[in-house]
Amino acid sequence: MYPDTQVEKQLKTLGIITWAMLVAAPVIYLLIANFISAGMQAQAGNELILYLLLLVAVVEPAMAPVMEWSQVQSYKAKPQTDMKPINLFFTLSVMKMATVGAVYIFGFVVFILTGKFVNMLFFYPIGVAWTLVLWPKREKYEQLVERLNQP
């Protein structure tokens, strides 16, 4: 298979976006929280939001295969579409990254609401696990192309 320059360009762009969303942004959230935690006092009461958002953090990215299935079915239903497989992969990957990025944001929100830095850290192992599972790779793109070519 000959390298397609558009595919290579899109995969490179996707890699940069992925690093920004799933590596740089969570580190920035930690730095901001660490910076402002010195002046915050822990607030009593908001523990329920911690447990609710932890549950959502575990479940929300698990919906990625459902989103992908839906988008693939829609793509297959419209064979005359101008969208190329790499564009579909790019879109699906950004959608998946958004669900993982939300996990880190949930942690930051819980930190702001409770004033406890440690509460934010509960979300990071969940985010890292989902990052490893959903990280867009060339192999995943190739698998998607194969699925799109199946009847």
N, C-alpha and C. Protein backbone atom coordinates (compact mmCIF):
# COMPACT_ATOMS: atom_id res chain seq x y z
N MET A 1 0.85 -1.18 0.00
CA MET A 1 0.00 0.00 0.00
C MET A 1 0.89 1.25 0.00
N TYR A 2 0.67 2.12 -0.95
CA TYR A 2 1.45 3.33 -1.07
C TYR A 2 0.96 4.38 -0.08
N PRO A 3 1.89 5.13 0.49
CA PRO A 3 1.47 6.15 1.45
C PRO A 3 0.65 7.24 0.76
N ASP A 4 -0.44 7.58 1.38
CA ASP A 4 -1.32 8.64 0.89
C ASP A 4 -0.96 9.89 1.68
N THR A 5 -0.54 10.95 0.99
CA THR A 5 -0.08 12.15 1.69
C THR A 5 -1.18 12.79 2.52
N GLN A 6 -2.44 12.74 2.03
CA GLN A 6 -3.52 13.31 2.82
C GLN A 6 -3.74 12.51 4.10
N VAL A 7 -3.67 11.20 4.00
CA VAL A 7 -3.82 10.34 5.18
C VAL A 7 -2.70 10.62 6.17
N GLU A 8 -1.47 10.68 5.66
CA GLU A 8 -0.32 10.94 6.53
C GLU A 8 -0.45 12.29 7.23
N LYS A 9 -0.86 13.28 6.48
CA LYS A 9 -1.03 14.64 7.03
C LYS A 9 -2.12 14.65 8.12
N GLN A 10 -3.24 13.99 7.84
CA GLN A 10 -4.34 13.93 8.81
C GLN A 10 -3.92 13.17 10.07
N LEU A 11 -3.21 12.05 9.90
CA LEU A 11 -2.76 11.28 11.06
C LEU A 11 -1.77 12.07 11.90
N LYS A 12 -0.90 12.85 11.24
CA LYS A 12 0.04 13.68 11.99
C LYS A 12 -0.70 14.77 12.76
N THR A 13 -1.64 15.42 12.12
CA THR A 13 -2.46 16.44 12.78
C THR A 13 -3.22 15.84 13.95
N LEU A 14 -3.79 14.67 13.73
CA LEU A 14 -4.53 13.98 14.79
C LEU A 14 -3.62 13.66 15.97
N GLY A 15 -2.38 13.27 15.68
CA GLY A 15 -1.42 13.00 16.75
C GLY A 15 -1.14 14.23 17.60
N ILE A 16 -1.00 15.36 16.95
CA ILE A 16 -0.75 16.62 17.67
C ILE A 16 -1.95 16.98 18.53
N ILE A 17 -3.14 16.88 17.98
CA ILE A 17 -4.36 17.18 18.74
C ILE A 17 -4.51 16.23 19.91
N THR A 18 -4.21 14.97 19.67
CA THR A 18 -4.33 13.97 20.74
C THR A 18 -3.39 14.30 21.89
N TRP A 19 -2.13 14.62 21.57
CA TRP A 19 -1.19 14.98 22.62
C TRP A 19 -1.66 16.22 23.39
N ALA A 20 -2.19 17.19 22.66
CA ALA A 20 -2.66 18.41 23.32
C ALA A 20 -3.83 18.13 24.25
N MET A 21 -4.79 17.32 23.77
CA MET A 21 -6.00 17.07 24.55
C MET A 21 -5.80 16.09 25.70
N LEU A 22 -4.98 15.06 25.48
CA LEU A 22 -4.92 13.97 26.45
C LEU A 22 -3.62 13.93 27.26
N VAL A 23 -2.67 14.78 26.93
CA VAL A 23 -1.43 14.83 27.71
C VAL A 23 -1.21 16.24 28.25
N ALA A 24 -1.14 17.21 27.36
CA ALA A 24 -0.83 18.58 27.79
C ALA A 24 -1.94 19.18 28.65
N ALA A 25 -3.18 19.06 28.20
CA ALA A 25 -4.29 19.68 28.95
C ALA A 25 -4.41 19.13 30.37
N PRO A 26 -4.37 17.79 30.58
CA PRO A 26 -4.44 17.30 31.96
C PRO A 26 -3.30 17.80 32.85
N VAL A 27 -2.11 17.94 32.27
CA VAL A 27 -0.98 18.47 33.04
C VAL A 27 -1.25 19.93 33.41
N ILE A 28 -1.78 20.68 32.47
CA ILE A 28 -2.11 22.09 32.75
C ILE A 28 -3.17 22.18 33.85
N TYR A 29 -4.18 21.29 33.80
CA TYR A 29 -5.20 21.30 34.86
C TYR A 29 -4.56 21.06 36.22
N LEU A 30 -3.62 20.11 36.27
CA LEU A 30 -2.93 19.83 37.54
C LEU A 30 -2.14 21.03 38.01
N LEU A 31 -1.45 21.69 37.10
CA LEU A 31 -0.65 22.86 37.48
C LEU A 31 -1.54 23.99 38.00
N ILE A 32 -2.64 24.22 37.31
CA ILE A 32 -3.57 25.28 37.75
C ILE A 32 -4.14 24.94 39.12
N ALA A 33 -4.58 23.70 39.28
CA ALA A 33 -5.16 23.28 40.56
C ALA A 33 -4.13 23.38 41.68
N ASN A 34 -2.91 22.98 41.40
CA ASN A 34 -1.86 23.07 42.41
C ASN A 34 -1.58 24.52 42.76
N PHE A 35 -1.59 25.39 41.77
CA PHE A 35 -1.33 26.81 42.00
C PHE A 35 -2.43 27.45 42.85
N ILE A 36 -3.69 27.13 42.55
CA ILE A 36 -4.78 27.78 43.29
C ILE A 36 -5.16 27.05 44.57
N SER A 37 -4.67 25.82 44.75
CA SER A 37 -5.06 25.07 45.95
C SER A 37 -4.49 25.67 47.23
N ALA A 38 -3.40 26.40 47.12
CA ALA A 38 -2.80 27.01 48.30
C ALA A 38 -3.76 28.00 48.95
N GLY A 39 -4.56 28.68 48.17
CA GLY A 39 -5.47 29.67 48.73
C GLY A 39 -6.87 29.15 49.00
N MET A 40 -7.12 27.88 48.69
CA MET A 40 -8.48 27.33 48.86
C MET A 40 -8.61 26.60 50.19
N GLN A 41 -9.80 26.64 50.71
CA GLN A 41 -10.12 25.85 51.90
C GLN A 41 -11.10 24.77 51.47
N ALA A 42 -10.90 23.59 52.01
CA ALA A 42 -11.80 22.49 51.68
C ALA A 42 -13.21 22.84 52.11
N GLN A 43 -14.16 22.54 51.24
CA GLN A 43 -15.56 22.82 51.53
C GLN A 43 -16.26 21.53 51.90
N ALA A 44 -17.07 21.59 52.90
CA ALA A 44 -17.79 20.39 53.32
C ALA A 44 -18.99 20.16 52.42
N GLY A 45 -19.32 18.91 52.24
CA GLY A 45 -20.58 18.60 51.59
C GLY A 45 -20.51 18.09 50.17
N ASN A 46 -19.71 18.56 49.32
CA ASN A 46 -19.81 18.26 47.90
C ASN A 46 -19.26 16.89 47.51
N GLU A 47 -19.26 15.94 48.42
CA GLU A 47 -18.73 14.61 48.13
C GLU A 47 -19.62 13.83 47.16
N LEU A 48 -20.90 14.10 47.16
CA LEU A 48 -21.80 13.40 46.25
C LEU A 48 -21.41 13.66 44.80
N ILE A 49 -21.04 14.87 44.48
CA ILE A 49 -20.64 15.19 43.11
C ILE A 49 -19.39 14.41 42.73
N LEU A 50 -18.50 14.17 43.69
CA LEU A 50 -17.31 13.36 43.43
C LEU A 50 -17.70 11.97 42.96
N TYR A 51 -18.61 11.32 43.68
CA TYR A 51 -19.00 9.95 43.34
C TYR A 51 -19.79 9.89 42.05
N LEU A 52 -20.65 10.87 41.84
CA LEU A 52 -21.42 10.89 40.59
C LEU A 52 -20.52 11.08 39.37
N LEU A 53 -19.60 12.03 39.46
CA LEU A 53 -18.72 12.28 38.33
C LEU A 53 -17.69 11.16 38.13
N LEU A 54 -17.31 10.48 39.20
CA LEU A 54 -16.45 9.31 39.03
C LEU A 54 -17.17 8.22 38.23
N LEU A 55 -18.45 8.03 38.55
CA LEU A 55 -19.25 7.06 37.81
C LEU A 55 -19.36 7.46 36.34
N VAL A 56 -19.65 8.73 36.09
CA VAL A 56 -19.75 9.21 34.71
C VAL A 56 -18.39 9.07 34.00
N ALA A 57 -17.30 9.34 34.70
CA ALA A 57 -15.96 9.25 34.12
C ALA A 57 -15.63 7.83 33.66
N VAL A 58 -16.14 6.85 34.37
CA VAL A 58 -15.90 5.46 34.00
C VAL A 58 -16.79 5.06 32.83
N VAL A 59 -18.04 5.49 32.85
CA VAL A 59 -19.04 5.03 31.87
C VAL A 59 -18.99 5.81 30.56
N GLU A 60 -18.81 7.11 30.61
CA GLU A 60 -18.91 7.94 29.40
C GLU A 60 -17.97 7.49 28.27
N PRO A 61 -16.66 7.32 28.52
CA PRO A 61 -15.81 6.88 27.41
C PRO A 61 -16.15 5.46 26.92
N ALA A 62 -16.78 4.67 27.75
CA ALA A 62 -17.18 3.32 27.35
C ALA A 62 -18.24 3.36 26.25
N MET A 63 -18.83 4.51 26.04
CA MET A 63 -19.84 4.67 24.98
C MET A 63 -19.19 4.91 23.61
N ALA A 64 -17.87 5.03 23.56
CA ALA A 64 -17.16 5.29 22.30
C ALA A 64 -17.45 4.25 21.23
N PRO A 65 -17.48 2.95 21.55
CA PRO A 65 -17.81 1.98 20.49
C PRO A 65 -19.23 2.17 19.93
N VAL A 66 -20.15 2.60 20.75
CA VAL A 66 -21.51 2.85 20.29
C VAL A 66 -21.51 4.04 19.33
N MET A 67 -20.81 5.10 19.71
CA MET A 67 -20.70 6.28 18.83
C MET A 67 -20.06 5.89 17.51
N GLU A 68 -18.99 5.10 17.58
CA GLU A 68 -18.29 4.69 16.37
C GLU A 68 -19.19 3.83 15.49
N TRP A 69 -19.87 2.87 16.07
CA TRP A 69 -20.78 2.01 15.31
C TRP A 69 -21.83 2.84 14.59
N SER A 70 -22.41 3.79 15.29
CA SER A 70 -23.44 4.66 14.71
C SER A 70 -22.89 5.45 13.53
N GLN A 71 -21.71 6.02 13.68
CA GLN A 71 -21.11 6.82 12.62
C GLN A 71 -20.73 5.95 11.41
N VAL A 72 -20.23 4.76 11.68
CA VAL A 72 -19.87 3.84 10.59
C VAL A 72 -21.11 3.42 9.82
N GLN A 73 -22.19 3.12 10.53
CA GLN A 73 -23.43 2.74 9.86
C GLN A 73 -23.96 3.88 9.00
N SER A 74 -23.88 5.08 9.52
CA SER A 74 -24.32 6.25 8.77
C SER A 74 -23.46 6.45 7.53
N TYR A 75 -22.16 6.26 7.66
CA TYR A 75 -21.23 6.40 6.54
C TYR A 75 -21.54 5.36 5.46
N LYS A 76 -21.76 4.12 5.89
CA LYS A 76 -22.05 3.04 4.94
C LYS A 76 -23.39 3.25 4.25
N ALA A 77 -24.32 3.86 4.93
CA ALA A 77 -25.66 4.08 4.37
C ALA A 77 -25.65 5.12 3.26
N LYS A 78 -24.61 5.95 3.22
CA LYS A 78 -24.50 7.00 2.21
C LYS A 78 -23.22 6.81 1.41
N PRO A 79 -23.19 5.81 0.52
CA PRO A 79 -21.95 5.54 -0.22
C PRO A 79 -21.53 6.67 -1.15
N GLN A 80 -22.42 7.55 -1.50
CA GLN A 80 -22.08 8.65 -2.39
C GLN A 80 -21.46 9.83 -1.65
N THR A 81 -21.26 9.70 -0.38
CA THR A 81 -20.71 10.80 0.40
C THR A 81 -19.30 11.17 -0.06
N ASP A 82 -18.95 12.43 0.08
CA ASP A 82 -17.63 12.91 -0.29
C ASP A 82 -16.61 12.70 0.84
N MET A 83 -17.09 12.28 2.00
CA MET A 83 -16.19 12.08 3.14
C MET A 83 -15.30 10.87 2.90
N LYS A 84 -14.03 11.06 3.11
CA LYS A 84 -13.06 9.97 2.96
C LYS A 84 -12.92 9.23 4.29
N PRO A 85 -12.48 7.97 4.26
CA PRO A 85 -12.30 7.23 5.51
C PRO A 85 -11.41 7.94 6.52
N ILE A 86 -10.37 8.64 6.06
CA ILE A 86 -9.49 9.33 7.00
C ILE A 86 -10.24 10.46 7.72
N ASN A 87 -11.17 11.11 7.02
CA ASN A 87 -11.97 12.16 7.65
C ASN A 87 -12.90 11.57 8.71
N LEU A 88 -13.48 10.41 8.39
CA LEU A 88 -14.33 9.73 9.37
C LEU A 88 -13.51 9.33 10.58
N PHE A 89 -12.34 8.78 10.35
CA PHE A 89 -11.46 8.37 11.46
C PHE A 89 -11.07 9.58 12.31
N PHE A 90 -10.74 10.67 11.65
CA PHE A 90 -10.38 11.90 12.36
C PHE A 90 -11.53 12.36 13.25
N THR A 91 -12.74 12.38 12.69
CA THR A 91 -13.92 12.82 13.44
C THR A 91 -14.18 11.89 14.61
N LEU A 92 -14.14 10.59 14.36
CA LEU A 92 -14.37 9.61 15.44
C LEU A 92 -13.32 9.75 16.53
N SER A 93 -12.08 9.95 16.15
CA SER A 93 -11.01 10.07 17.13
C SER A 93 -11.18 11.30 18.00
N VAL A 94 -11.55 12.41 17.39
CA VAL A 94 -11.77 13.64 18.18
C VAL A 94 -12.95 13.45 19.13
N MET A 95 -14.00 12.78 18.67
CA MET A 95 -15.15 12.51 19.55
C MET A 95 -14.71 11.66 20.75
N LYS A 96 -13.92 10.64 20.50
CA LYS A 96 -13.44 9.78 21.58
C LYS A 96 -12.54 10.55 22.53
N MET A 97 -11.65 11.37 21.96
CA MET A 97 -10.75 12.16 22.81
C MET A 97 -11.53 13.15 23.68
N ALA A 98 -12.61 13.66 23.15
CA ALA A 98 -13.43 14.59 23.93
C ALA A 98 -14.03 13.89 25.15
N THR A 99 -14.43 12.63 24.96
CA THR A 99 -14.99 11.91 26.11
C THR A 99 -13.92 11.66 27.16
N VAL A 100 -12.70 11.38 26.72
CA VAL A 100 -11.61 11.16 27.68
C VAL A 100 -11.19 12.49 28.30
N GLY A 101 -11.11 13.53 27.50
CA GLY A 101 -10.76 14.85 28.03
C GLY A 101 -11.74 15.31 29.10
N ALA A 102 -13.00 14.93 28.92
CA ALA A 102 -14.01 15.29 29.91
C ALA A 102 -13.72 14.67 31.27
N VAL A 103 -13.10 13.50 31.29
CA VAL A 103 -12.75 12.85 32.56
C VAL A 103 -11.83 13.76 33.37
N TYR A 104 -10.83 14.32 32.72
CA TYR A 104 -9.91 15.22 33.42
C TYR A 104 -10.61 16.51 33.86
N ILE A 105 -11.50 16.99 33.03
CA ILE A 105 -12.26 18.19 33.38
C ILE A 105 -13.17 17.92 34.58
N PHE A 106 -13.77 16.73 34.61
CA PHE A 106 -14.59 16.36 35.78
C PHE A 106 -13.75 16.43 37.05
N GLY A 107 -12.53 15.95 36.98
CA GLY A 107 -11.64 16.02 38.15
C GLY A 107 -11.38 17.44 38.58
N PHE A 108 -11.15 18.32 37.61
CA PHE A 108 -10.91 19.72 37.93
C PHE A 108 -12.14 20.36 38.54
N VAL A 109 -13.32 20.03 38.01
CA VAL A 109 -14.58 20.57 38.55
C VAL A 109 -14.77 20.10 39.99
N VAL A 110 -14.51 18.83 40.24
CA VAL A 110 -14.65 18.31 41.61
C VAL A 110 -13.67 19.02 42.54
N PHE A 111 -12.46 19.26 42.08
CA PHE A 111 -11.50 20.00 42.88
C PHE A 111 -12.03 21.38 43.23
N ILE A 112 -12.55 22.09 42.24
CA ILE A 112 -13.09 23.43 42.48
C ILE A 112 -14.25 23.38 43.46
N LEU A 113 -15.11 22.39 43.33
CA LEU A 113 -16.30 22.32 44.20
C LEU A 113 -15.98 21.86 45.62
N THR A 114 -15.00 20.98 45.76
CA THR A 114 -14.70 20.44 47.10
C THR A 114 -13.51 21.13 47.74
N GLY A 115 -12.64 21.72 46.91
CA GLY A 115 -11.45 22.35 47.46
C GLY A 115 -10.38 21.34 47.84
N LYS A 116 -10.55 20.07 47.47
CA LYS A 116 -9.59 19.02 47.82
C LYS A 116 -8.85 18.57 46.57
N PHE A 117 -7.55 18.83 46.54
CA PHE A 117 -6.73 18.46 45.40
C PHE A 117 -6.75 16.95 45.16
N VAL A 118 -6.76 16.19 46.23
CA VAL A 118 -6.75 14.72 46.11
C VAL A 118 -7.98 14.21 45.35
N ASN A 119 -9.12 14.88 45.49
CA ASN A 119 -10.32 14.47 44.76
C ASN A 119 -10.10 14.55 43.25
N MET A 120 -9.33 15.53 42.83
CA MET A 120 -9.03 15.66 41.41
C MET A 120 -8.19 14.48 40.93
N LEU A 121 -7.29 14.04 41.76
CA LEU A 121 -6.38 12.96 41.37
C LEU A 121 -7.08 11.62 41.17
N PHE A 122 -8.25 11.43 41.75
CA PHE A 122 -9.00 10.19 41.55
C PHE A 122 -9.36 9.99 40.08
N PHE A 123 -9.49 11.06 39.35
CA PHE A 123 -9.91 10.98 37.95
C PHE A 123 -8.75 10.66 37.01
N TYR A 124 -7.54 10.90 37.44
CA TYR A 124 -6.40 10.72 36.54
C TYR A 124 -6.12 9.26 36.16
N PRO A 125 -6.18 8.31 37.06
CA PRO A 125 -5.99 6.92 36.61
C PRO A 125 -7.09 6.47 35.63
N ILE A 126 -8.30 6.96 35.84
CA ILE A 126 -9.40 6.64 34.91
C ILE A 126 -9.10 7.25 33.54
N GLY A 127 -8.69 8.51 33.53
CA GLY A 127 -8.36 9.18 32.28
C GLY A 127 -7.19 8.51 31.56
N VAL A 128 -6.17 8.13 32.30
CA VAL A 128 -5.01 7.47 31.69
C VAL A 128 -5.42 6.13 31.09
N ALA A 129 -6.23 5.37 31.82
CA ALA A 129 -6.69 4.07 31.30
C ALA A 129 -7.47 4.25 30.00
N TRP A 130 -8.41 5.20 29.99
CA TRP A 130 -9.19 5.43 28.76
C TRP A 130 -8.32 6.00 27.65
N THR A 131 -7.32 6.79 28.00
CA THR A 131 -6.40 7.31 27.00
C THR A 131 -5.68 6.16 26.30
N LEU A 132 -5.20 5.21 27.08
CA LEU A 132 -4.50 4.06 26.49
C LEU A 132 -5.42 3.23 25.61
N VAL A 133 -6.66 3.09 26.01
CA VAL A 133 -7.62 2.28 25.25
C VAL A 133 -8.03 2.99 23.96
N LEU A 134 -8.29 4.28 24.01
CA LEU A 134 -8.88 4.99 22.89
C LEU A 134 -7.89 5.81 22.05
N TRP A 135 -6.61 5.76 22.38
CA TRP A 135 -5.61 6.53 21.64
C TRP A 135 -5.68 6.15 20.16
N PRO A 136 -5.81 7.15 19.27
CA PRO A 136 -5.90 6.84 17.84
C PRO A 136 -4.54 6.40 17.28
N LYS A 137 -4.56 5.25 16.61
CA LYS A 137 -3.33 4.70 16.02
C LYS A 137 -3.59 4.36 14.56
N ARG A 138 -2.53 4.27 13.81
CA ARG A 138 -2.64 3.90 12.40
C ARG A 138 -3.35 2.56 12.25
N GLU A 139 -3.07 1.61 13.11
CA GLU A 139 -3.71 0.29 13.03
C GLU A 139 -5.23 0.42 13.17
N LYS A 140 -5.66 1.30 14.03
CA LYS A 140 -7.10 1.51 14.20
C LYS A 140 -7.71 2.12 12.95
N TYR A 141 -6.96 3.00 12.31
CA TYR A 141 -7.43 3.58 11.05
C TYR A 141 -7.57 2.49 10.00
N GLU A 142 -6.57 1.64 9.89
CA GLU A 142 -6.61 0.56 8.91
C GLU A 142 -7.76 -0.42 9.19
N GLN A 143 -8.02 -0.69 10.46
CA GLN A 143 -9.16 -1.55 10.82
C GLN A 143 -10.48 -0.89 10.41
N LEU A 144 -10.57 0.41 10.60
CA LEU A 144 -11.78 1.13 10.21
C LEU A 144 -11.99 1.04 8.69
N VAL A 145 -10.93 1.22 7.93
CA VAL A 145 -11.03 1.14 6.47
C VAL A 145 -11.52 -0.26 6.07
N GLU A 146 -11.00 -1.28 6.71
CA GLU A 146 -11.45 -2.65 6.42
C GLU A 146 -12.93 -2.82 6.72
N ARG A 147 -13.37 -2.30 7.84
CA ARG A 147 -14.80 -2.39 8.20
C ARG A 147 -15.67 -1.64 7.22
N LEU A 148 -15.19 -0.49 6.75
CA LEU A 148 -15.97 0.30 5.80
C LEU A 148 -16.09 -0.42 4.46
N ASN A 149 -15.14 -1.26 4.12
CA ASN A 149 -15.17 -1.99 2.85
C ASN A 149 -15.96 -3.29 2.93
N GLN A 150 -16.36 -3.67 4.15
CA GLN A 150 -17.20 -4.86 4.29
C GLN A 150 -18.65 -4.51 4.02
N PRO A 151 -19.41 -5.49 3.46
CA PRO A 151 -20.83 -5.18 3.18
C PRO A 151 -21.65 -5.01 4.44
